[in-house]
Amino acid sequence: MKKLIVVCAMLFFSSGLNATTLETIVKAFAVPSNESYSANDWSSINGIQGINWNHKGFRETPSSSFTRSGKVNLGKLGLANITFSGVRAMVDAFNISIDNPMTPGEYKSLVTSLFPTSAHIKTIRDNCKDEGLSLSSGIYEVTLTDKKPVYIFVESSSGASGMEGTTSFDILLEPEDRWKCNP
């Protein structure tokens, strides 16, 4: 299995897809701090270098009003799937999924390492008491210079029955109630 992953990674990296950073993507997605609107239009993500889009423009889907997805090399995070979602006029969320399960203790240092030292990163909550090592999460508020905050929900699953686990990052302009821990 590891040989297959290495071969796939080599093919992906040799396909000419340049690495980008989560900071670069968040900068394009986040709303400027001096604006009164609450989300950018879809054109804000068009110029992000390093995303190999699955299709040109956004698509209407049953699960979300509109989406645009692709693959991206996120440097130290590696190969990732990325999906932006929103309504016809604006993009208000994106998800990044990587095939690498992480433990709750790694989340804050991971999120911190993905942004410059000038970014303000605040922990909203760590792992919930009802979560274990096989499924865990954490929420962080990230504010970049001259941008309104974005909220990152990190969730990791160790997989089941010998399957590889994943870590996903839901990045939104506002935190969601579903992210709260059960009492």
C-alpha atoms as a PDB file:
ATOM      1  CA  MET A   1       0.000   0.000   0.000  1.00  0.00           C
ATOM      2  CA  LYS A   2       2.805   2.431   0.868  1.00  0.00           C
ATOM      3  CA  LYS A   3       4.476   1.776  -2.508  1.00  0.00           C
ATOM      4  CA  LEU A   4       1.217   2.616  -4.267  1.00  0.00           C
ATOM      5  CA  ILE A   5       0.943   5.879  -2.315  1.00  0.00           C
ATOM      6  CA  VAL A   6       4.548   6.802  -3.169  1.00  0.00           C
ATOM      7  CA  VAL A   7       4.017   6.027  -6.871  1.00  0.00           C
ATOM      8  CA  CYS A   8       0.776   8.045  -6.935  1.00  0.00           C
ATOM      9  CA  ALA A   9       2.501  10.948  -5.179  1.00  0.00           C
ATOM     10  CA  MET A  10       5.394  10.824  -7.657  1.00  0.00           C
ATOM     11  CA  LEU A  11       2.971  10.873 -10.593  1.00  0.00           C
ATOM     12  CA  PHE A  12       1.043  13.742  -9.044  1.00  0.00           C
ATOM     13  CA  PHE A  13       4.105  15.848  -8.303  1.00  0.00           C
ATOM     14  CA  SER A  14       5.572  15.166 -11.737  1.00  0.00           C
ATOM     15  CA  SER A  15       2.318  16.305 -13.385  1.00  0.00           C
ATOM     16  CA  GLY A  16       3.482  19.898 -13.061  1.00  0.00           C
ATOM     17  CA  LEU A  17       1.149  20.866 -10.217  1.00  0.00           C
ATOM     18  CA  ASN A  18       3.084  23.368  -8.136  1.00  0.00           C
ATOM     19  CA  ALA A  19       2.765  23.427  -4.375  1.00  0.00           C
ATOM     20  CA  THR A  20       0.737  26.173  -2.771  1.00  0.00           C
ATOM     21  CA  THR A  21      -0.026  26.975   0.847  1.00  0.00           C
ATOM     22  CA  LEU A  22      -3.177  27.091   2.913  1.00  0.00           C
ATOM     23  CA  GLU A  23      -2.283  30.713   3.637  1.00  0.00           C
ATOM     24  CA  THR A  24      -2.421  31.546  -0.095  1.00  0.00           C
ATOM     25  CA  ILE A  25      -5.843  29.912  -0.430  1.00  0.00           C
ATOM     26  CA  VAL A  26      -7.231  31.585   2.710  1.00  0.00           C
ATOM     27  CA  LYS A  27      -5.936  35.004   1.545  1.00  0.00           C
ATOM     28  CA  ALA A  28      -7.932  34.644  -1.679  1.00  0.00           C
ATOM     29  CA  PHE A  29     -11.023  33.343   0.161  1.00  0.00           C
ATOM     30  CA  ALA A  30     -11.149  35.670   3.211  1.00  0.00           C
ATOM     31  CA  VAL A  31     -13.013  38.963   3.059  1.00  0.00           C
ATOM     32  CA  PRO A  32     -10.893  42.133   3.320  1.00  0.00           C
ATOM     33  CA  SER A  33     -11.193  43.669   6.802  1.00  0.00           C
ATOM     34  CA  ASN A  34     -12.298  47.063   5.462  1.00  0.00           C
ATOM     35  CA  GLU A  35     -15.279  45.706   3.471  1.00  0.00           C
ATOM     36  CA  SER A  36     -18.907  45.596   4.622  1.00  0.00           C
ATOM     37  CA  TYR A  37     -19.897  42.524   2.580  1.00  0.00           C
ATOM     38  CA  SER A  38     -19.825  39.049   4.133  1.00  0.00           C
ATOM     39  CA  ALA A  39     -18.327  36.870   1.350  1.00  0.00           C
ATOM     40  CA  ASN A  40     -16.292  37.223  -1.846  1.00  0.00           C
ATOM     41  CA  ASP A  41     -17.651  36.311  -5.258  1.00  0.00           C
ATOM     42  CA  TRP A  42     -16.489  33.187  -7.086  1.00  0.00           C
ATOM     43  CA  SER A  43     -13.878  35.093  -9.078  1.00  0.00           C
ATOM     44  CA  SER A  44     -11.834  35.516  -5.871  1.00  0.00           C
ATOM     45  CA  ILE A  45     -10.651  31.901  -6.085  1.00  0.00           C
ATOM     46  CA  ASN A  46      -9.908  31.861  -9.828  1.00  0.00           C
ATOM     47  CA  GLY A  47      -6.384  33.201  -9.431  1.00  0.00           C
ATOM     48  CA  ILE A  48      -5.193  30.713  -6.811  1.00  0.00           C
ATOM     49  CA  GLN A  49      -2.045  29.159  -8.248  1.00  0.00           C
ATOM     50  CA  GLY A  50      -1.492  25.430  -7.799  1.00  0.00           C
ATOM     51  CA  ILE A  51      -5.074  24.124  -7.907  1.00  0.00           C
ATOM     52  CA  ASN A  52      -5.771  21.638 -10.670  1.00  0.00           C
ATOM     53  CA  TRP A  53      -9.504  22.268 -11.129  1.00  0.00           C
ATOM     54  CA  ASN A  54     -11.784  19.338 -11.977  1.00  0.00           C
ATOM     55  CA  HIS A  55     -13.899  21.641 -14.176  1.00  0.00           C
ATOM     56  CA  LYS A  56     -14.025  25.234 -15.326  1.00  0.00           C
ATOM     57  CA  GLY A  57     -16.246  27.405 -13.151  1.00  0.00           C
ATOM     58  CA  PHE A  58     -18.595  26.320 -10.389  1.00  0.00           C
ATOM     59  CA  ARG A  59     -21.298  23.651 -10.649  1.00  0.00           C
ATOM     60  CA  GLU A  60     -24.715  23.333  -9.075  1.00  0.00           C
ATOM     61  CA  THR A  61     -24.943  20.144  -7.002  1.00  0.00           C
ATOM     62  CA  PRO A  62     -27.582  18.437  -4.858  1.00  0.00           C
ATOM     63  CA  SER A  63     -25.442  18.582  -1.683  1.00  0.00           C
ATOM     64  CA  SER A  64     -24.628  22.304  -1.858  1.00  0.00           C
ATOM     65  CA  SER A  65     -25.954  25.126  -3.953  1.00  0.00           C
ATOM     66  CA  PHE A  66     -22.740  25.506  -5.973  1.00  0.00           C
ATOM     67  CA  THR A  67     -19.304  23.893  -5.785  1.00  0.00           C
ATOM     68  CA  ARG A  68     -15.944  23.981  -7.507  1.00  0.00           C
ATOM     69  CA  SER A  69     -13.414  21.265  -6.764  1.00  0.00           C
ATOM     70  CA  GLY A  70      -9.927  20.177  -7.646  1.00  0.00           C
ATOM     71  CA  LYS A  71      -6.642  18.794  -6.399  1.00  0.00           C
ATOM     72  CA  VAL A  72      -3.853  20.756  -4.794  1.00  0.00           C
ATOM     73  CA  ASN A  73      -0.339  20.080  -3.530  1.00  0.00           C
ATOM     74  CA  LEU A  74      -0.192  21.756  -0.111  1.00  0.00           C
ATOM     75  CA  GLY A  75       3.542  21.323   0.467  1.00  0.00           C
ATOM     76  CA  LYS A  76       4.009  19.772   3.915  1.00  0.00           C
ATOM     77  CA  LEU A  77       0.376  18.542   3.965  1.00  0.00           C
ATOM     78  CA  GLY A  78       0.867  16.839   0.604  1.00  0.00           C
ATOM     79  CA  LEU A  79      -1.742  15.967  -1.995  1.00  0.00           C
ATOM     80  CA  ALA A  80      -5.228  17.169  -1.104  1.00  0.00           C
ATOM     81  CA  ASN A  81      -8.731  17.372  -2.509  1.00  0.00           C
ATOM     82  CA  ILE A  82     -10.244  20.848  -2.297  1.00  0.00           C
ATOM     83  CA  THR A  83     -13.887  21.834  -2.696  1.00  0.00           C
ATOM     84  CA  PHE A  84     -15.258  25.367  -2.518  1.00  0.00           C
ATOM     85  CA  SER A  85     -18.986  25.867  -1.935  1.00  0.00           C
ATOM     86  CA  GLY A  86     -21.486  28.693  -1.795  1.00  0.00           C
ATOM     87  CA  VAL A  87     -24.455  30.252  -3.528  1.00  0.00           C
ATOM     88  CA  ARG A  88     -24.580  31.540  -7.092  1.00  0.00           C
ATOM     89  CA  ALA A  89     -23.173  34.972  -6.193  1.00  0.00           C
ATOM     90  CA  MET A  90     -20.557  34.087  -3.576  1.00  0.00           C
ATOM     91  CA  VAL A  91     -18.284  31.442  -2.109  1.00  0.00           C
ATOM     92  CA  ASP A  92     -18.594  31.022   1.660  1.00  0.00           C
ATOM     93  CA  ALA A  93     -16.762  27.792   2.525  1.00  0.00           C
ATOM     94  CA  PHE A  94     -14.152  25.343   1.394  1.00  0.00           C
ATOM     95  CA  ASN A  95     -12.994  21.905   2.448  1.00  0.00           C
ATOM     96  CA  ILE A  96      -9.567  20.332   2.159  1.00  0.00           C
ATOM     97  CA  SER A  97      -9.177  16.594   2.669  1.00  0.00           C
ATOM     98  CA  ILE A  98      -5.867  14.757   3.032  1.00  0.00           C
ATOM     99  CA  ASP A  99      -5.117  11.057   3.465  1.00  0.00           C
ATOM    100  CA  ASN A 100      -3.271  11.438   6.737  1.00  0.00           C
ATOM    101  CA  PRO A 101      -4.989  10.987  10.109  1.00  0.00           C
ATOM    102  CA  MET A 102      -3.746  13.241  12.894  1.00  0.00           C
ATOM    103  CA  THR A 103      -4.229  13.259  16.643  1.00  0.00           C
ATOM    104  CA  PRO A 104      -5.923  16.079  18.577  1.00  0.00           C
ATOM    105  CA  GLY A 105      -2.625  17.196  20.104  1.00  0.00           C
ATOM    106  CA  GLU A 106      -1.291  17.997  16.626  1.00  0.00           C
ATOM    107  CA  TYR A 107      -4.079  20.315  15.470  1.00  0.00           C
ATOM    108  CA  LYS A 108      -3.044  23.637  17.000  1.00  0.00           C
ATOM    109  CA  SER A 109       0.626  23.248  16.033  1.00  0.00           C
ATOM    110  CA  LEU A 110      -0.389  22.134  12.532  1.00  0.00           C
ATOM    111  CA  VAL A 111      -2.730  25.085  11.963  1.00  0.00           C
ATOM    112  CA  THR A 112      -0.110  27.459  13.398  1.00  0.00           C
ATOM    113  CA  SER A 113       2.575  26.041  11.087  1.00  0.00           C
ATOM    114  CA  LEU A 114       0.421  26.655   7.994  1.00  0.00           C
ATOM    115  CA  PHE A 115       0.275  30.425   8.478  1.00  0.00           C
ATOM    116  CA  PRO A 116       2.846  33.206   8.937  1.00  0.00           C
ATOM    117  CA  THR A 117       3.774  34.345  12.413  1.00  0.00           C
ATOM    118  CA  SER A 118       1.828  37.563  11.750  1.00  0.00           C
ATOM    119  CA  ALA A 119      -1.436  35.580  11.660  1.00  0.00           C
ATOM    120  CA  HIS A 120      -3.541  35.653  14.806  1.00  0.00           C
ATOM    121  CA  ILE A 121      -4.693  32.105  15.663  1.00  0.00           C
ATOM    122  CA  LYS A 122      -7.171  31.561  18.474  1.00  0.00           C
ATOM    123  CA  THR A 123      -8.363  28.163  19.707  1.00  0.00           C
ATOM    124  CA  ILE A 124     -12.160  28.084  19.826  1.00  0.00           C
ATOM    125  CA  ARG A 125     -12.211  24.545  21.190  1.00  0.00           C
ATOM    126  CA  ASP A 126     -10.114  21.405  21.290  1.00  0.00           C
ATOM    127  CA  ASN A 127     -11.316  17.817  21.033  1.00  0.00           C
ATOM    128  CA  CYS A 128     -14.803  17.187  22.481  1.00  0.00           C
ATOM    129  CA  LYS A 129     -15.105  14.832  25.475  1.00  0.00           C
ATOM    130  CA  ASP A 130     -17.333  12.467  23.461  1.00  0.00           C
ATOM    131  CA  GLU A 131     -14.697  12.134  20.723  1.00  0.00           C
ATOM    132  CA  GLY A 132     -11.911   9.589  20.921  1.00  0.00           C
ATOM    133  CA  LEU A 133      -8.704   8.865  19.057  1.00  0.00           C
ATOM    134  CA  SER A 134     -10.522   7.363  16.047  1.00  0.00           C
ATOM    135  CA  LEU A 135     -12.522  10.568  15.445  1.00  0.00           C
ATOM    136  CA  SER A 136     -11.424  13.917  16.816  1.00  0.00           C
ATOM    137  CA  SER A 137     -11.756  17.608  16.016  1.00  0.00           C
ATOM    138  CA  GLY A 138     -10.711  21.134  16.908  1.00  0.00           C
ATOM    139  CA  ILE A 139     -11.803  24.630  15.877  1.00  0.00           C
ATOM    140  CA  TYR A 140      -9.575  27.653  15.288  1.00  0.00           C
ATOM    141  CA  GLU A 141     -10.140  31.277  14.357  1.00  0.00           C
ATOM    142  CA  VAL A 142      -7.459  32.557  11.968  1.00  0.00           C
ATOM    143  CA  THR A 143      -7.048  36.233  11.159  1.00  0.00           C
ATOM    144  CA  LEU A 144      -4.568  37.290   8.495  1.00  0.00           C
ATOM    145  CA  THR A 145      -3.347  40.862   8.047  1.00  0.00           C
ATOM    146  CA  ASP A 146      -6.026  43.052   6.420  1.00  0.00           C
ATOM    147  CA  LYS A 147      -8.573  40.179   6.393  1.00  0.00           C
ATOM    148  CA  LYS A 148     -11.656  39.304   8.415  1.00  0.00           C
ATOM    149  CA  PRO A 149     -11.320  36.061  10.423  1.00  0.00           C
ATOM    150  CA  VAL A 150     -11.966  32.619   8.984  1.00  0.00           C
ATOM    151  CA  TYR A 151     -12.872  29.565  11.045  1.00  0.00           C
ATOM    152  CA  ILE A 152     -11.127  26.235  10.589  1.00  0.00           C
ATOM    153  CA  PHE A 153     -12.781  23.031  11.757  1.00  0.00           C
ATOM    154  CA  VAL A 154     -10.147  20.263  11.729  1.00  0.00           C
ATOM    155  CA  GLU A 155     -11.496  16.722  11.920  1.00  0.00           C
ATOM    156  CA  SER A 156      -9.501  13.514  11.763  1.00  0.00           C
ATOM    157  CA  SER A 157     -10.614   9.926  11.398  1.00  0.00           C
ATOM    158  CA  SER A 158      -8.213   7.027  11.825  1.00  0.00           C
ATOM    159  CA  GLY A 159     -10.178   4.880   9.381  1.00  0.00           C
ATOM    160  CA  ALA A 160     -11.849   1.523   9.937  1.00  0.00           C
ATOM    161  CA  SER A 161     -11.044  -2.087   9.162  1.00  0.00           C
ATOM    162  CA  GLY A 162      -7.511  -1.381   7.987  1.00  0.00           C
ATOM    163  CA  MET A 163      -8.511   1.612   5.829  1.00  0.00           C
ATOM    164  CA  GLU A 164      -6.248   4.641   5.806  1.00  0.00           C
ATOM    165  CA  GLY A 165      -7.564   7.576   7.809  1.00  0.00           C
ATOM    166  CA  THR A 166      -8.135  11.153   6.708  1.00  0.00           C
ATOM    167  CA  THR A 167      -7.962  14.668   8.034  1.00  0.00           C
ATOM    168  CA  SER A 168     -10.287  17.351   6.720  1.00  0.00           C
ATOM    169  CA  PHE A 169     -10.267  21.094   7.138  1.00  0.00           C
ATOM    170  CA  ASP A 170     -13.595  22.924   6.802  1.00  0.00           C
ATOM    171  CA  ILE A 171     -12.842  26.617   6.380  1.00  0.00           C
ATOM    172  CA  LEU A 172     -15.779  28.998   6.716  1.00  0.00           C
ATOM    173  CA  LEU A 173     -16.377  32.699   7.139  1.00  0.00           C
ATOM    174  CA  GLU A 174     -18.552  32.077  10.213  1.00  0.00           C
ATOM    175  CA  PRO A 175     -18.439  29.238  12.770  1.00  0.00           C
ATOM    176  CA  GLU A 176     -21.298  26.730  12.643  1.00  0.00           C
ATOM    177  CA  ASP A 177     -23.507  25.467  15.481  1.00  0.00           C
ATOM    178  CA  ARG A 178     -22.858  21.858  14.376  1.00  0.00           C
ATOM    179  CA  TRP A 179     -19.257  22.289  15.534  1.00  0.00           C
ATOM    180  CA  LYS A 180     -20.277  22.510  19.189  1.00  0.00           C
ATOM    181  CA  CYS A 181     -19.540  19.603  21.503  1.00  0.00           C
ATOM    182  CA  ASN A 182     -22.391  17.492  22.847  1.00  0.00           C
ATOM    183  CA  PRO A 183     -22.878  18.128  26.586  1.00  0.00           C
END
